[in-house]
Amino acid sequence: MKQARKLIIYCLNGSTYIVQEGLNSLESRISVPWLFRCHRLYLVNVKNFDTIRKSDKTIWFQGHSEPCYYSKGKQKQLLNLCEQY
């Protein structure tokens, strides 16, 4: 039996939650169009972006000092979603 990994969820209000669930599992359970798998390590809410920097493929969120990254192959889809929300 495969052991679930720890998943850290960062919220805009500064809260952090640690759950014993893999990202694939969480992504399949939560089906909302504004959550987007932008990288194998990140599932992001496109409604909460502060800045997207194409030069280093980073996404910045309000109130957070560290970015998350997106993969080159997901860039077009990511930018399209940002225009919708």
Protein backbone atom coordinates (compact mmCIF):
# COMPACT_ATOMS: atom_id res chain seq x y z
CA MET A 1 0.00 0.00 0.00
CA LYS A 2 1.36 3.39 -0.99
CA GLN A 3 1.73 5.83 1.89
CA ALA A 4 0.11 9.24 1.43
CA ARG A 5 2.47 12.16 1.39
CA LYS A 6 2.21 15.27 3.48
CA LEU A 7 0.60 18.08 1.59
CA ILE A 8 0.97 21.66 2.79
CA ILE A 9 -1.84 24.07 1.97
CA TYR A 10 -1.03 27.78 2.19
CA CYS A 11 -3.92 30.22 2.53
CA LEU A 12 -4.03 33.95 1.80
CA ASN A 13 -4.92 34.71 5.40
CA GLY A 14 -1.59 33.21 6.50
CA SER A 15 -3.00 29.89 7.69
CA THR A 16 -1.14 26.71 6.86
CA TYR A 17 -2.67 23.24 6.86
CA ILE A 18 -0.83 19.93 6.65
CA VAL A 19 -2.83 16.96 5.39
CA GLN A 20 -1.91 13.35 4.77
CA GLU A 21 -2.95 13.22 1.15
CA GLY A 22 -1.14 13.29 -2.14
CA LEU A 23 -1.60 16.13 -4.60
CA ASN A 24 -3.08 13.81 -7.24
CA SER A 25 -5.69 12.62 -4.76
CA LEU A 26 -6.60 16.14 -3.68
CA GLU A 27 -6.79 17.33 -7.28
CA SER A 28 -9.17 14.52 -8.23
CA ARG A 29 -11.44 15.17 -5.22
CA ILE A 30 -11.67 18.95 -5.65
CA SER A 31 -13.14 19.85 -8.98
CA VAL A 32 -13.30 23.62 -9.32
CA PRO A 33 -12.24 25.33 -12.55
CA TRP A 34 -10.01 27.96 -10.90
CA LEU A 35 -7.71 25.42 -9.24
CA PHE A 36 -4.96 24.60 -11.69
CA ARG A 37 -2.08 22.13 -11.61
CA CYS A 38 0.65 24.44 -12.89
CA HIS A 39 3.56 22.15 -11.99
CA ARG A 40 3.96 18.64 -10.63
CA LEU A 41 4.44 20.18 -7.17
CA TYR A 42 1.78 22.91 -7.21
CA LEU A 43 -1.99 23.21 -7.39
CA VAL A 44 -2.88 26.91 -7.38
CA ASN A 45 -5.97 29.08 -7.16
CA VAL A 46 -5.79 31.35 -10.21
CA LYS A 47 -8.14 33.83 -8.53
CA ASN A 48 -5.47 34.69 -5.95
CA PHE A 49 -2.43 35.55 -8.05
CA ASP A 50 -0.67 38.79 -7.44
CA THR A 51 1.89 38.53 -10.26
CA ILE A 52 2.96 36.06 -12.91
CA ARG A 53 6.51 36.48 -14.11
CA LYS A 54 7.20 34.78 -17.43
CA SER A 55 10.95 35.46 -17.23
CA ASP A 56 11.50 32.93 -14.42
CA LYS A 57 8.13 31.13 -14.63
CA THR A 58 6.98 32.12 -11.14
CA ILE A 59 3.63 32.92 -9.60
CA TRP A 60 3.51 35.34 -6.70
CA PHE A 61 0.68 35.62 -4.19
CA GLN A 62 -0.29 38.53 -1.97
CA GLY A 63 1.29 38.33 1.45
CA HIS A 64 3.75 35.55 0.59
CA SER A 65 7.47 36.09 0.23
CA GLU A 66 8.13 32.90 -1.75
CA PRO A 67 6.77 32.16 -5.22
CA CYS A 68 5.58 28.92 -6.69
CA TYR A 69 6.71 27.78 -10.11
CA TYR A 70 4.87 26.74 -13.21
CA SER A 71 6.09 24.52 -16.00
CA LYS A 72 6.76 25.84 -19.47
CA GLY A 73 4.24 23.41 -20.97
CA LYS A 74 1.45 24.80 -18.77
CA GLN A 75 2.10 28.50 -19.46
CA LYS A 76 -0.47 29.03 -22.22
CA GLN A 77 -3.25 27.26 -20.32
CA LEU A 78 -2.34 29.14 -17.13
CA LEU A 79 -2.49 32.54 -18.83
CA ASN A 80 -5.83 31.65 -20.44
CA LEU A 81 -7.29 30.73 -17.05
CA CYS A 82 -6.02 33.97 -15.53
CA GLU A 83 -7.90 35.93 -18.19
CA GLN A 84 -11.12 34.08 -17.30
CA TYR A 85 -10.86 34.77 -13.55
